[in-house]
N, C-alpha and C. Protein backbone atom coordinates (compact mmCIF):
# COMPACT_ATOMS: atom_id res chain seq x y z
N MET A 1 0.85 -1.26 0.01
CA MET A 1 -0.03 0.03 0.03
C MET A 1 0.88 1.22 -0.01
N LYS A 2 0.32 2.32 -0.63
CA LYS A 2 1.06 3.57 -0.67
C LYS A 2 1.43 4.12 0.68
N PRO A 3 2.75 4.59 0.91
CA PRO A 3 2.98 5.30 2.06
C PRO A 3 2.18 6.69 2.23
N LEU A 4 1.85 7.04 3.37
CA LEU A 4 1.08 8.26 3.49
C LEU A 4 1.98 9.45 3.89
N SER A 5 1.59 10.59 3.48
CA SER A 5 2.29 11.77 3.88
C SER A 5 1.41 13.04 3.94
N GLY A 6 1.86 14.05 4.53
CA GLY A 6 1.12 15.33 4.51
C GLY A 6 -0.24 15.27 5.17
N GLU A 7 -1.23 15.79 4.45
CA GLU A 7 -2.56 15.95 4.92
C GLU A 7 -3.27 14.49 5.13
N LYS A 8 -2.98 13.69 4.06
CA LYS A 8 -3.52 12.29 4.15
C LYS A 8 -3.04 11.50 5.30
N LEU A 9 -1.70 11.68 5.62
CA LEU A 9 -1.20 11.07 6.84
C LEU A 9 -1.88 11.55 8.18
N GLU A 10 -2.03 12.81 8.28
CA GLU A 10 -2.74 13.46 9.40
C GLU A 10 -4.08 12.96 9.48
N LYS A 11 -4.88 12.81 8.42
CA LYS A 11 -6.22 12.37 8.42
C LYS A 11 -6.33 10.92 8.90
N GLU A 12 -5.42 10.11 8.45
CA GLU A 12 -5.41 8.77 8.75
C GLU A 12 -5.08 8.48 10.21
N LEU A 13 -4.03 9.22 10.67
CA LEU A 13 -3.67 9.11 12.06
C LEU A 13 -4.87 9.61 13.01
N ALA A 14 -5.58 10.53 12.60
CA ALA A 14 -6.72 11.05 13.35
C ALA A 14 -7.87 10.02 13.37
N ARG A 15 -8.07 9.42 12.24
CA ARG A 15 -9.09 8.38 12.01
C ARG A 15 -8.78 7.16 13.03
N LEU A 16 -7.50 6.80 12.98
CA LEU A 16 -7.14 5.57 13.80
C LEU A 16 -7.17 5.96 15.27
N GLU A 17 -6.79 7.16 15.59
CA GLU A 17 -6.92 7.62 17.01
C GLU A 17 -8.33 7.61 17.47
N ALA A 18 -9.24 7.95 16.65
CA ALA A 18 -10.69 7.84 17.04
C ALA A 18 -11.22 6.44 17.18
N MET A 19 -10.53 5.48 16.45
CA MET A 19 -10.91 4.09 16.62
C MET A 19 -10.19 3.43 17.81
N ARG A 20 -9.49 4.25 18.52
CA ARG A 20 -8.83 3.72 19.73
C ARG A 20 -9.57 3.99 21.02
N GLU A 21 -10.75 4.58 20.91
CA GLU A 21 -11.50 5.05 22.00
C GLU A 21 -11.70 3.94 23.12
N TYR A 22 -12.10 2.86 22.63
CA TYR A 22 -12.46 1.78 23.61
C TYR A 22 -11.11 1.16 24.12
N GLU A 23 -10.11 1.01 23.28
CA GLU A 23 -8.90 0.49 23.76
C GLU A 23 -8.25 1.46 24.79
N ASP A 24 -8.40 2.74 24.61
CA ASP A 24 -7.91 3.72 25.57
C ASP A 24 -8.71 3.69 26.82
N THR A 25 -10.03 3.39 26.70
CA THR A 25 -10.86 3.41 27.93
C THR A 25 -10.32 2.26 28.85
N TYR A 26 -9.96 1.10 28.27
CA TYR A 26 -9.52 0.01 29.10
C TYR A 26 -8.00 -0.23 29.03
N ASP A 27 -7.34 0.85 28.92
CA ASP A 27 -5.77 0.86 28.83
C ASP A 27 -5.14 0.13 30.00
N ALA A 28 -5.77 0.13 31.17
CA ALA A 28 -5.26 -0.52 32.33
C ALA A 28 -5.05 -2.00 32.03
N CYS A 29 -5.80 -2.61 31.13
CA CYS A 29 -5.80 -4.08 30.89
C CYS A 29 -4.53 -4.34 30.14
N ALA A 30 -3.87 -5.42 30.53
CA ALA A 30 -2.65 -5.77 29.80
C ALA A 30 -2.92 -6.29 28.28
N TYR A 31 -4.00 -7.05 28.18
CA TYR A 31 -4.43 -7.57 26.85
C TYR A 31 -5.77 -7.28 26.60
N ILE A 32 -6.13 -6.57 25.49
CA ILE A 32 -7.51 -6.31 25.00
C ILE A 32 -7.73 -7.01 23.78
N CYS A 33 -8.75 -7.80 23.66
CA CYS A 33 -9.03 -8.63 22.45
C CYS A 33 -10.25 -8.18 21.78
N GLY A 34 -10.10 -8.04 20.49
CA GLY A 34 -11.28 -7.75 19.59
C GLY A 34 -11.84 -9.04 19.01
N ILE A 35 -13.19 -9.11 18.95
CA ILE A 35 -13.87 -10.30 18.41
C ILE A 35 -14.81 -9.92 17.29
N ASP A 36 -14.77 -10.66 16.20
CA ASP A 36 -15.84 -10.40 15.18
C ASP A 36 -15.92 -11.73 14.26
N GLU A 37 -16.96 -11.74 13.54
CA GLU A 37 -17.23 -12.92 12.68
C GLU A 37 -17.48 -12.48 11.25
N ALA A 38 -17.53 -13.49 10.37
CA ALA A 38 -17.86 -13.37 8.97
C ALA A 38 -18.74 -14.55 8.69
N GLY A 39 -19.90 -14.42 8.04
CA GLY A 39 -20.63 -15.59 7.57
C GLY A 39 -21.97 -15.82 8.33
N ARG A 40 -22.48 -14.80 8.95
CA ARG A 40 -23.78 -14.90 9.59
C ARG A 40 -24.93 -14.73 8.52
N GLY A 41 -24.62 -13.91 7.53
CA GLY A 41 -25.71 -13.64 6.57
C GLY A 41 -25.87 -14.53 5.25
N PRO A 42 -24.78 -15.19 4.93
CA PRO A 42 -24.83 -15.95 3.57
C PRO A 42 -25.73 -17.15 3.62
N LEU A 43 -25.97 -17.59 2.45
CA LEU A 43 -26.84 -18.85 2.21
C LEU A 43 -26.02 -20.10 2.10
N ALA A 44 -24.66 -19.95 2.10
CA ALA A 44 -23.79 -21.07 1.98
C ALA A 44 -22.46 -20.75 2.65
N GLY A 45 -21.78 -21.85 3.02
CA GLY A 45 -20.44 -21.73 3.60
C GLY A 45 -20.42 -21.66 5.19
N PRO A 46 -19.25 -21.72 5.75
CA PRO A 46 -19.13 -21.73 7.18
C PRO A 46 -19.28 -20.33 7.80
N VAL A 47 -19.37 -20.32 9.16
CA VAL A 47 -19.22 -19.06 9.89
C VAL A 47 -17.87 -19.16 10.56
N VAL A 48 -17.12 -17.94 10.31
CA VAL A 48 -15.73 -17.86 10.77
C VAL A 48 -15.67 -16.67 11.77
N ALA A 49 -15.04 -16.84 12.92
CA ALA A 49 -14.86 -15.80 13.90
C ALA A 49 -13.35 -15.65 14.13
N ALA A 50 -12.97 -14.51 14.51
CA ALA A 50 -11.52 -14.20 14.82
C ALA A 50 -11.43 -13.45 16.04
N ALA A 51 -10.36 -13.64 16.77
CA ALA A 51 -9.94 -12.98 17.99
C ALA A 51 -8.63 -12.33 17.70
N ALA A 52 -8.49 -11.07 17.95
CA ALA A 52 -7.23 -10.38 17.77
C ALA A 52 -6.78 -9.51 18.95
N VAL A 53 -5.59 -9.65 19.42
CA VAL A 53 -4.98 -8.89 20.47
C VAL A 53 -3.74 -8.09 19.88
N LEU A 54 -3.90 -6.83 19.83
CA LEU A 54 -2.90 -5.87 19.21
C LEU A 54 -2.05 -5.39 20.28
N PRO A 55 -0.77 -5.08 19.88
CA PRO A 55 0.07 -4.36 21.05
C PRO A 55 -0.51 -2.96 21.21
N LYS A 56 -0.35 -2.34 22.37
CA LYS A 56 -0.87 -1.08 22.66
C LYS A 56 -0.37 0.02 21.75
N ASP A 57 0.85 -0.10 21.29
CA ASP A 57 1.43 0.95 20.46
C ASP A 57 1.37 0.57 18.95
N CYS A 58 0.50 -0.33 18.69
CA CYS A 58 0.38 -0.92 17.37
C CYS A 58 -0.25 0.13 16.37
N GLN A 59 0.35 0.29 15.20
CA GLN A 59 -0.17 1.30 14.21
C GLN A 59 -0.29 0.61 12.84
N ILE A 60 -1.56 0.30 12.40
CA ILE A 60 -1.80 -0.37 11.15
C ILE A 60 -2.59 0.56 10.32
N PHE A 61 -1.95 1.26 9.32
CA PHE A 61 -2.75 2.19 8.41
C PHE A 61 -3.82 1.37 7.68
N TYR A 62 -4.91 2.10 7.43
CA TYR A 62 -6.06 1.62 6.68
C TYR A 62 -6.91 0.64 7.49
N LEU A 63 -6.59 0.28 8.73
CA LEU A 63 -7.28 -0.64 9.55
C LEU A 63 -8.75 -0.10 9.68
N ASN A 64 -9.70 -1.00 9.24
CA ASN A 64 -11.14 -0.54 9.31
C ASN A 64 -11.95 -1.78 9.19
N ASP A 65 -13.28 -1.51 9.30
CA ASP A 65 -14.30 -2.49 9.13
C ASP A 65 -14.03 -3.23 7.78
N SER A 66 -13.97 -4.54 7.71
CA SER A 66 -13.52 -5.34 6.56
C SER A 66 -14.42 -4.93 5.35
N LYS A 67 -15.72 -4.74 5.64
CA LYS A 67 -16.64 -4.45 4.59
C LYS A 67 -16.36 -3.11 3.81
N LYS A 68 -15.60 -2.21 4.52
CA LYS A 68 -15.28 -0.90 3.89
C LYS A 68 -14.00 -1.01 3.14
N LEU A 69 -13.37 -2.09 3.02
CA LEU A 69 -12.05 -2.21 2.34
C LEU A 69 -12.10 -3.13 1.17
N SER A 70 -11.30 -2.80 0.16
CA SER A 70 -11.24 -3.61 -1.05
C SER A 70 -10.63 -4.95 -0.67
N GLU A 71 -10.79 -5.93 -1.59
CA GLU A 71 -10.25 -7.24 -1.35
C GLU A 71 -8.68 -7.16 -1.30
N LYS A 72 -8.07 -6.36 -2.12
CA LYS A 72 -6.72 -6.24 -2.18
C LYS A 72 -6.11 -5.71 -0.85
N LYS A 73 -6.83 -4.61 -0.30
CA LYS A 73 -6.36 -4.07 0.95
C LYS A 73 -6.57 -5.09 2.16
N ARG A 74 -7.68 -5.79 2.05
CA ARG A 74 -7.95 -6.76 3.18
C ARG A 74 -6.81 -7.75 3.15
N ASP A 75 -6.44 -8.24 2.04
CA ASP A 75 -5.41 -9.34 1.91
C ASP A 75 -4.09 -8.74 2.51
N LEU A 76 -3.69 -7.56 2.20
CA LEU A 76 -2.53 -6.98 2.67
C LEU A 76 -2.48 -6.70 4.21
N LEU A 77 -3.71 -6.30 4.68
CA LEU A 77 -3.91 -6.01 6.08
C LEU A 77 -3.96 -7.38 6.93
N PHE A 78 -4.47 -8.46 6.23
CA PHE A 78 -4.55 -9.78 6.88
C PHE A 78 -3.10 -10.18 7.27
N ASP A 79 -2.20 -10.04 6.40
CA ASP A 79 -0.78 -10.46 6.67
C ASP A 79 -0.25 -9.53 7.68
N GLU A 80 -0.44 -8.23 7.60
CA GLU A 80 0.21 -7.20 8.56
C GLU A 80 -0.41 -7.52 9.98
N ILE A 81 -1.72 -7.78 10.12
CA ILE A 81 -2.31 -7.99 11.39
C ILE A 81 -1.76 -9.28 11.98
N LYS A 82 -1.54 -10.32 11.24
CA LYS A 82 -0.97 -11.53 11.77
C LYS A 82 0.42 -11.37 12.25
N GLU A 83 1.18 -10.53 11.45
CA GLU A 83 2.62 -10.28 11.79
C GLU A 83 2.74 -9.45 13.08
N LYS A 84 1.86 -8.43 13.27
CA LYS A 84 2.04 -7.53 14.37
C LYS A 84 1.27 -7.88 15.58
N ALA A 85 0.28 -8.76 15.47
CA ALA A 85 -0.60 -9.05 16.70
C ALA A 85 0.22 -9.77 17.75
N VAL A 86 -0.14 -9.44 18.99
CA VAL A 86 0.43 -10.15 20.11
C VAL A 86 -0.12 -11.60 20.05
N ALA A 87 -1.36 -11.78 19.75
CA ALA A 87 -1.97 -13.11 19.49
C ALA A 87 -3.20 -12.96 18.70
N TYR A 88 -3.58 -14.07 18.03
CA TYR A 88 -4.81 -14.13 17.26
C TYR A 88 -5.27 -15.61 17.24
N GLY A 89 -6.60 -15.68 17.04
CA GLY A 89 -7.10 -17.00 16.93
C GLY A 89 -8.28 -17.03 15.88
N ILE A 90 -8.59 -18.13 15.22
CA ILE A 90 -9.60 -18.16 14.23
C ILE A 90 -10.42 -19.42 14.47
N GLY A 91 -11.70 -19.24 14.63
CA GLY A 91 -12.64 -20.33 14.77
C GLY A 91 -13.56 -20.55 13.63
N ILE A 92 -13.84 -21.76 13.23
CA ILE A 92 -14.59 -22.10 11.98
C ILE A 92 -15.59 -23.15 12.42
N VAL A 93 -16.86 -22.92 12.10
CA VAL A 93 -18.01 -23.83 12.26
C VAL A 93 -18.65 -24.09 10.95
N SER A 94 -18.73 -25.41 10.62
CA SER A 94 -19.18 -25.89 9.31
C SER A 94 -20.65 -25.66 9.13
N PRO A 95 -21.09 -25.62 7.89
CA PRO A 95 -22.48 -25.52 7.46
C PRO A 95 -23.28 -26.59 8.09
N GLN A 96 -22.86 -27.80 8.23
CA GLN A 96 -23.58 -28.92 8.79
C GLN A 96 -23.83 -28.61 10.25
N VAL A 97 -22.89 -28.07 11.04
CA VAL A 97 -23.20 -27.68 12.38
C VAL A 97 -24.18 -26.55 12.59
N ILE A 98 -23.96 -25.59 11.63
CA ILE A 98 -24.96 -24.44 11.53
C ILE A 98 -26.36 -24.88 11.40
N ASP A 99 -26.61 -25.87 10.52
CA ASP A 99 -27.83 -26.53 10.31
C ASP A 99 -28.41 -27.21 11.64
N GLU A 100 -27.49 -27.73 12.46
CA GLU A 100 -27.88 -28.41 13.60
C GLU A 100 -28.21 -27.54 14.81
N ILE A 101 -27.41 -26.38 15.04
CA ILE A 101 -27.55 -25.59 16.17
C ILE A 101 -28.06 -24.19 15.93
N ASN A 102 -28.17 -23.84 14.78
CA ASN A 102 -28.65 -22.46 14.33
C ASN A 102 -27.50 -21.52 14.15
N ILE A 103 -27.55 -20.51 13.33
CA ILE A 103 -26.43 -19.66 12.87
C ILE A 103 -25.93 -18.77 14.20
N LEU A 104 -26.85 -18.46 15.21
CA LEU A 104 -26.35 -17.68 16.26
C LEU A 104 -25.49 -18.51 17.19
N GLN A 105 -26.00 -19.65 17.59
CA GLN A 105 -25.26 -20.55 18.44
C GLN A 105 -23.86 -20.94 17.67
N ALA A 106 -23.96 -21.12 16.40
CA ALA A 106 -22.74 -21.48 15.65
C ALA A 106 -21.73 -20.33 15.72
N THR A 107 -22.19 -19.10 15.63
CA THR A 107 -21.34 -17.87 15.75
C THR A 107 -20.66 -17.85 17.11
N TYR A 108 -21.47 -18.11 18.11
CA TYR A 108 -20.87 -18.06 19.52
C TYR A 108 -19.78 -19.20 19.63
N GLU A 109 -20.04 -20.29 19.07
CA GLU A 109 -19.09 -21.47 19.10
C GLU A 109 -17.84 -21.11 18.35
N ALA A 110 -17.93 -20.49 17.13
CA ALA A 110 -16.69 -20.05 16.41
C ALA A 110 -15.91 -19.04 17.20
N MET A 111 -16.69 -18.09 17.91
CA MET A 111 -15.95 -17.12 18.77
C MET A 111 -15.27 -17.78 19.86
N ARG A 112 -15.89 -18.66 20.56
CA ARG A 112 -15.17 -19.40 21.73
C ARG A 112 -13.93 -20.19 21.12
N GLN A 113 -14.07 -20.81 19.98
CA GLN A 113 -12.89 -21.46 19.39
C GLN A 113 -11.78 -20.46 19.13
N ALA A 114 -12.12 -19.32 18.61
CA ALA A 114 -11.11 -18.32 18.39
C ALA A 114 -10.33 -17.81 19.62
N ILE A 115 -11.11 -17.60 20.67
CA ILE A 115 -10.57 -17.21 21.96
C ILE A 115 -9.75 -18.30 22.50
N SER A 116 -10.07 -19.51 22.39
CA SER A 116 -9.28 -20.61 22.96
C SER A 116 -7.98 -20.77 22.26
N GLN A 117 -7.83 -20.24 21.13
CA GLN A 117 -6.57 -20.40 20.39
C GLN A 117 -5.45 -19.34 20.85
N LEU A 118 -5.91 -18.28 21.53
CA LEU A 118 -5.01 -17.22 21.89
C LEU A 118 -3.95 -17.79 22.82
N ASN A 119 -2.65 -17.31 22.63
CA ASN A 119 -1.56 -17.72 23.49
C ASN A 119 -1.36 -16.76 24.58
N VAL A 120 -2.29 -15.86 24.80
CA VAL A 120 -2.33 -14.95 25.94
C VAL A 120 -3.77 -15.01 26.50
N ILE A 121 -4.02 -14.56 27.74
CA ILE A 121 -5.30 -14.49 28.20
C ILE A 121 -5.74 -13.03 28.36
N PRO A 122 -6.69 -12.57 27.45
CA PRO A 122 -7.14 -11.28 27.57
C PRO A 122 -7.89 -10.99 28.81
N GLU A 123 -7.80 -9.68 29.29
CA GLU A 123 -8.51 -9.24 30.45
C GLU A 123 -9.90 -8.71 30.04
N ILE A 124 -10.15 -8.37 28.78
CA ILE A 124 -11.35 -7.80 28.35
C ILE A 124 -11.52 -8.24 26.81
N LEU A 125 -12.80 -8.44 26.46
CA LEU A 125 -13.19 -8.76 25.02
C LEU A 125 -14.02 -7.60 24.56
N LEU A 126 -13.59 -6.99 23.44
CA LEU A 126 -14.39 -6.01 22.76
C LEU A 126 -15.08 -6.72 21.57
N ASN A 127 -16.41 -6.92 21.76
CA ASN A 127 -17.08 -7.84 20.70
C ASN A 127 -17.97 -6.87 19.78
N ASP A 128 -18.02 -7.38 18.52
CA ASP A 128 -18.99 -6.68 17.66
C ASP A 128 -20.42 -7.09 17.89
N ALA A 129 -21.03 -6.28 18.84
CA ALA A 129 -22.44 -6.29 19.09
C ALA A 129 -23.01 -7.46 19.81
N VAL A 130 -22.24 -8.52 20.18
CA VAL A 130 -22.77 -9.68 20.91
C VAL A 130 -22.06 -9.88 22.21
N THR A 131 -22.75 -10.61 23.09
CA THR A 131 -22.11 -11.15 24.39
C THR A 131 -22.14 -12.70 24.20
N ILE A 132 -20.95 -13.28 24.35
CA ILE A 132 -20.66 -14.65 24.04
C ILE A 132 -20.99 -15.49 25.28
N PRO A 133 -21.97 -16.48 25.24
CA PRO A 133 -22.25 -17.26 26.40
C PRO A 133 -21.02 -18.16 26.68
N GLY A 134 -20.84 -18.54 27.95
CA GLY A 134 -19.88 -19.49 28.31
C GLY A 134 -18.44 -19.05 28.26
N VAL A 135 -18.25 -17.67 28.38
CA VAL A 135 -16.80 -17.12 28.37
C VAL A 135 -16.58 -16.42 29.64
N ASP A 136 -15.59 -16.73 30.44
CA ASP A 136 -15.37 -16.07 31.75
C ASP A 136 -14.32 -14.91 31.74
N ILE A 137 -14.65 -14.02 30.74
CA ILE A 137 -13.83 -12.87 30.45
C ILE A 137 -14.82 -11.69 30.40
N MET A 138 -14.45 -10.63 30.96
CA MET A 138 -15.31 -9.36 30.84
C MET A 138 -15.51 -9.06 29.41
N GLN A 139 -16.72 -8.77 29.00
CA GLN A 139 -17.03 -8.52 27.60
C GLN A 139 -17.77 -7.12 27.42
N VAL A 140 -17.41 -6.43 26.35
CA VAL A 140 -18.06 -5.15 26.03
C VAL A 140 -18.63 -5.22 24.60
N PRO A 141 -19.90 -5.50 24.46
CA PRO A 141 -20.55 -5.51 23.21
C PRO A 141 -20.69 -4.14 22.60
N ILE A 142 -20.15 -3.96 21.31
CA ILE A 142 -20.16 -2.68 20.69
C ILE A 142 -20.92 -2.71 19.34
N VAL A 143 -21.97 -1.97 19.28
CA VAL A 143 -22.75 -2.03 18.00
C VAL A 143 -21.85 -1.35 16.87
N LYS A 144 -21.69 -2.07 15.77
CA LYS A 144 -20.94 -1.63 14.68
C LYS A 144 -19.44 -1.44 15.16
N GLY A 145 -19.06 -2.33 16.04
CA GLY A 145 -17.78 -2.12 16.62
C GLY A 145 -16.59 -2.36 15.65
N ASP A 146 -16.79 -3.03 14.53
CA ASP A 146 -15.71 -3.15 13.52
C ASP A 146 -15.34 -1.81 12.98
N ALA A 147 -16.10 -0.79 13.01
CA ALA A 147 -15.78 0.54 12.54
C ALA A 147 -15.44 1.50 13.65
N LYS A 148 -15.43 0.97 14.93
CA LYS A 148 -15.26 1.94 16.08
C LYS A 148 -14.02 1.44 16.95
N SER A 149 -13.47 0.23 16.70
CA SER A 149 -12.41 -0.28 17.53
C SER A 149 -11.37 -0.99 16.62
N VAL A 150 -10.13 -0.59 16.90
CA VAL A 150 -9.05 -1.12 16.03
C VAL A 150 -8.94 -2.61 16.27
N SER A 151 -9.21 -3.08 17.47
CA SER A 151 -9.05 -4.49 17.75
C SER A 151 -10.18 -5.35 17.01
N ILE A 152 -11.43 -4.84 17.06
CA ILE A 152 -12.51 -5.53 16.41
C ILE A 152 -12.28 -5.42 14.90
N ALA A 153 -11.82 -4.25 14.38
CA ALA A 153 -11.61 -4.13 12.91
C ALA A 153 -10.57 -5.16 12.49
N ALA A 154 -9.45 -5.36 13.30
CA ALA A 154 -8.50 -6.40 12.96
C ALA A 154 -9.10 -7.81 12.96
N ALA A 155 -9.95 -8.08 13.95
CA ALA A 155 -10.68 -9.32 13.98
C ALA A 155 -11.54 -9.55 12.71
N SER A 156 -12.23 -8.49 12.37
CA SER A 156 -13.11 -8.59 11.20
C SER A 156 -12.44 -8.87 9.89
N ILE A 157 -11.24 -8.31 9.80
CA ILE A 157 -10.39 -8.64 8.55
C ILE A 157 -9.90 -10.04 8.62
N LEU A 158 -9.44 -10.54 9.69
CA LEU A 158 -9.00 -11.98 9.86
C LEU A 158 -10.11 -12.94 9.48
N ALA A 159 -11.29 -12.63 10.02
CA ALA A 159 -12.44 -13.53 9.81
C ALA A 159 -12.92 -13.48 8.36
N LYS A 160 -12.96 -12.31 7.80
CA LYS A 160 -13.46 -12.14 6.44
C LYS A 160 -12.54 -12.77 5.38
N VAL A 161 -11.22 -12.42 5.55
CA VAL A 161 -10.25 -12.97 4.58
C VAL A 161 -10.27 -14.50 4.59
N THR A 162 -10.27 -15.06 5.89
CA THR A 162 -10.21 -16.50 6.10
C THR A 162 -11.44 -17.19 5.38
N ARG A 163 -12.65 -16.65 5.65
CA ARG A 163 -13.83 -17.23 5.07
C ARG A 163 -13.85 -17.03 3.58
N ASP A 164 -13.44 -15.90 3.08
CA ASP A 164 -13.44 -15.63 1.56
C ASP A 164 -12.52 -16.57 0.89
N ARG A 165 -11.38 -16.97 1.51
CA ARG A 165 -10.45 -17.85 0.89
C ARG A 165 -11.01 -19.22 0.88
N MET A 166 -11.74 -19.59 1.94
CA MET A 166 -12.48 -20.96 2.05
C MET A 166 -13.48 -21.00 0.90
N MET A 167 -14.23 -19.91 0.69
CA MET A 167 -15.21 -19.88 -0.46
C MET A 167 -14.57 -20.02 -1.78
N MET A 168 -13.43 -19.43 -1.94
CA MET A 168 -12.64 -19.53 -3.23
C MET A 168 -12.30 -20.98 -3.46
N GLU A 169 -12.00 -21.77 -2.34
CA GLU A 169 -11.66 -23.17 -2.47
C GLU A 169 -12.94 -23.95 -2.82
N TYR A 170 -14.07 -23.62 -2.30
CA TYR A 170 -15.36 -24.24 -2.54
C TYR A 170 -15.66 -24.01 -4.11
N ASP A 171 -15.31 -22.88 -4.63
CA ASP A 171 -15.57 -22.55 -5.98
C ASP A 171 -14.87 -23.55 -6.93
N GLN A 172 -13.69 -23.99 -6.47
CA GLN A 172 -12.88 -24.94 -7.34
C GLN A 172 -13.68 -26.26 -7.47
N ILE A 173 -14.36 -26.58 -6.33
CA ILE A 173 -15.16 -27.89 -6.29
C ILE A 173 -16.49 -27.80 -6.91
N TYR A 174 -17.14 -26.64 -6.70
CA TYR A 174 -18.51 -26.40 -7.20
C TYR A 174 -18.58 -25.16 -8.11
N PRO A 175 -17.91 -25.11 -9.19
CA PRO A 175 -17.81 -23.85 -10.01
C PRO A 175 -19.15 -23.34 -10.53
N GLU A 176 -20.09 -24.22 -10.54
CA GLU A 176 -21.43 -23.79 -11.14
C GLU A 176 -22.10 -22.78 -10.16
N TYR A 177 -21.76 -22.77 -8.93
CA TYR A 177 -22.41 -21.86 -7.97
C TYR A 177 -21.91 -20.46 -7.93
N GLY A 178 -20.69 -20.28 -8.48
CA GLY A 178 -20.15 -18.86 -8.42
C GLY A 178 -19.68 -18.46 -7.10
N PHE A 179 -19.25 -19.30 -6.16
CA PHE A 179 -18.80 -18.84 -4.87
C PHE A 179 -17.65 -17.88 -4.83
N ALA A 180 -16.77 -17.93 -5.79
CA ALA A 180 -15.62 -17.01 -5.91
C ALA A 180 -16.11 -15.57 -5.96
N LYS A 181 -17.25 -15.45 -6.60
CA LYS A 181 -17.80 -13.99 -6.78
C LYS A 181 -18.66 -13.56 -5.56
N HIS A 182 -19.66 -14.36 -5.18
CA HIS A 182 -20.54 -13.93 -4.10
C HIS A 182 -20.25 -14.41 -2.77
N LYS A 183 -19.29 -15.34 -2.61
CA LYS A 183 -18.88 -15.90 -1.31
C LYS A 183 -19.96 -16.41 -0.48
N GLY A 184 -21.10 -16.90 -1.21
CA GLY A 184 -22.13 -17.63 -0.51
C GLY A 184 -23.31 -16.71 -0.10
N TYR A 185 -23.11 -15.42 -0.39
CA TYR A 185 -24.27 -14.49 -0.06
C TYR A 185 -25.39 -14.63 -0.97
N GLY A 186 -26.56 -14.19 -0.68
CA GLY A 186 -27.64 -14.34 -1.48
C GLY A 186 -27.90 -13.41 -2.68
N THR A 187 -27.00 -13.30 -3.48
CA THR A 187 -27.12 -12.46 -4.69
C THR A 187 -28.02 -13.14 -5.68
N ALA A 188 -28.41 -12.35 -6.70
CA ALA A 188 -29.31 -12.93 -7.78
C ALA A 188 -28.68 -14.12 -8.38
N ALA A 189 -27.37 -13.95 -8.73
CA ALA A 189 -26.67 -15.05 -9.38
C ALA A 189 -26.71 -16.36 -8.52
N HIS A 190 -26.42 -16.19 -7.23
CA HIS A 190 -26.48 -17.36 -6.33
C HIS A 190 -27.85 -18.02 -6.27
N ILE A 191 -28.85 -17.19 -6.13
CA ILE A 191 -30.24 -17.72 -6.07
C ILE A 191 -30.61 -18.48 -7.34
N ALA A 192 -30.14 -17.92 -8.45
CA ALA A 192 -30.43 -18.54 -9.77
C ALA A 192 -29.77 -19.89 -9.79
N ALA A 193 -28.58 -19.93 -9.28
CA ALA A 193 -27.74 -21.23 -9.33
C ALA A 193 -28.42 -22.23 -8.41
N LEU A 194 -28.93 -21.81 -7.24
CA LEU A 194 -29.60 -22.65 -6.40
C LEU A 194 -30.87 -23.24 -7.04
N LYS A 195 -31.59 -22.42 -7.73
CA LYS A 195 -32.79 -22.84 -8.46
C LYS A 195 -32.54 -23.91 -9.51
N GLU A 196 -31.31 -23.67 -10.19
CA GLU A 196 -30.94 -24.54 -11.22
C GLU A 196 -30.33 -25.92 -10.78
N TYR A 197 -29.42 -25.74 -9.80
CA TYR A 197 -28.64 -26.94 -9.39
C TYR A 197 -29.01 -27.49 -7.99
N GLY A 198 -29.87 -26.72 -7.28
CA GLY A 198 -30.19 -27.27 -5.97
C GLY A 198 -29.11 -26.97 -4.93
N HIS A 199 -29.28 -27.40 -3.68
CA HIS A 199 -28.29 -27.18 -2.66
C HIS A 199 -27.23 -28.19 -2.74
N VAL A 200 -26.02 -27.90 -2.50
CA VAL A 200 -24.89 -28.83 -2.43
C VAL A 200 -25.11 -29.77 -1.31
N ARG A 201 -24.91 -31.00 -1.53
CA ARG A 201 -24.95 -31.98 -0.47
C ARG A 201 -23.76 -32.99 -0.65
N SER A 202 -22.93 -33.06 0.44
CA SER A 202 -21.84 -34.07 0.42
C SER A 202 -21.66 -34.59 1.77
N THR A 203 -20.84 -35.53 1.87
CA THR A 203 -20.71 -36.16 3.23
C THR A 203 -20.01 -35.24 4.34
N GLU A 204 -19.31 -34.21 3.87
CA GLU A 204 -18.60 -33.30 4.73
C GLU A 204 -19.23 -32.00 4.91
N GLU A 205 -19.74 -31.39 3.87
CA GLU A 205 -20.27 -30.00 3.96
C GLU A 205 -21.70 -29.90 3.40
N HIS A 206 -22.46 -29.08 4.00
CA HIS A 206 -23.77 -28.69 3.53
C HIS A 206 -23.69 -27.26 3.24
N LEU A 207 -23.60 -26.98 2.04
CA LEU A 207 -23.44 -25.56 1.63
C LEU A 207 -24.87 -24.88 1.41
């Protein structure tokens, strides 16, 4: 990504500073963890959650809600976040389990998986809009948190890129559904493919 300078640099630094409001509020905590997911809305594919613990002095330009970023920027930020994070974890719950326990419970399970993978124990979780059952860590649910917290934004990118790459792999197996383009979301093209080909059924995945 292009290096920033002058007015653009000042604007980006001010934007990132505003996104540190919650991290600054809980600055006394040694480890603050952002939590977010990707895949609650699609008609196909897994739900993926990520947990991200960033260093307190961490500066990652362009860090934002994953939905506000281009695919190219997300991919670059994905690598930078993994490189700079104190710890991160990614949880994945399959479509088959989603069908069994429902999407909300599957989302909670993916989030618990992501937290369990951290190699540090956070003192607080900043979550994108939810409170996760069965987690004995203080939680702060933040509506639209992926645009308000650098930690949640980092988690949103980790989750989104991981899931998108899985859908690209599905596209190699089931090219007729167009997963590479719509990533399982209910676009007109996806709905047309479902009408023509029906739902995918295999021994391992229910898309």
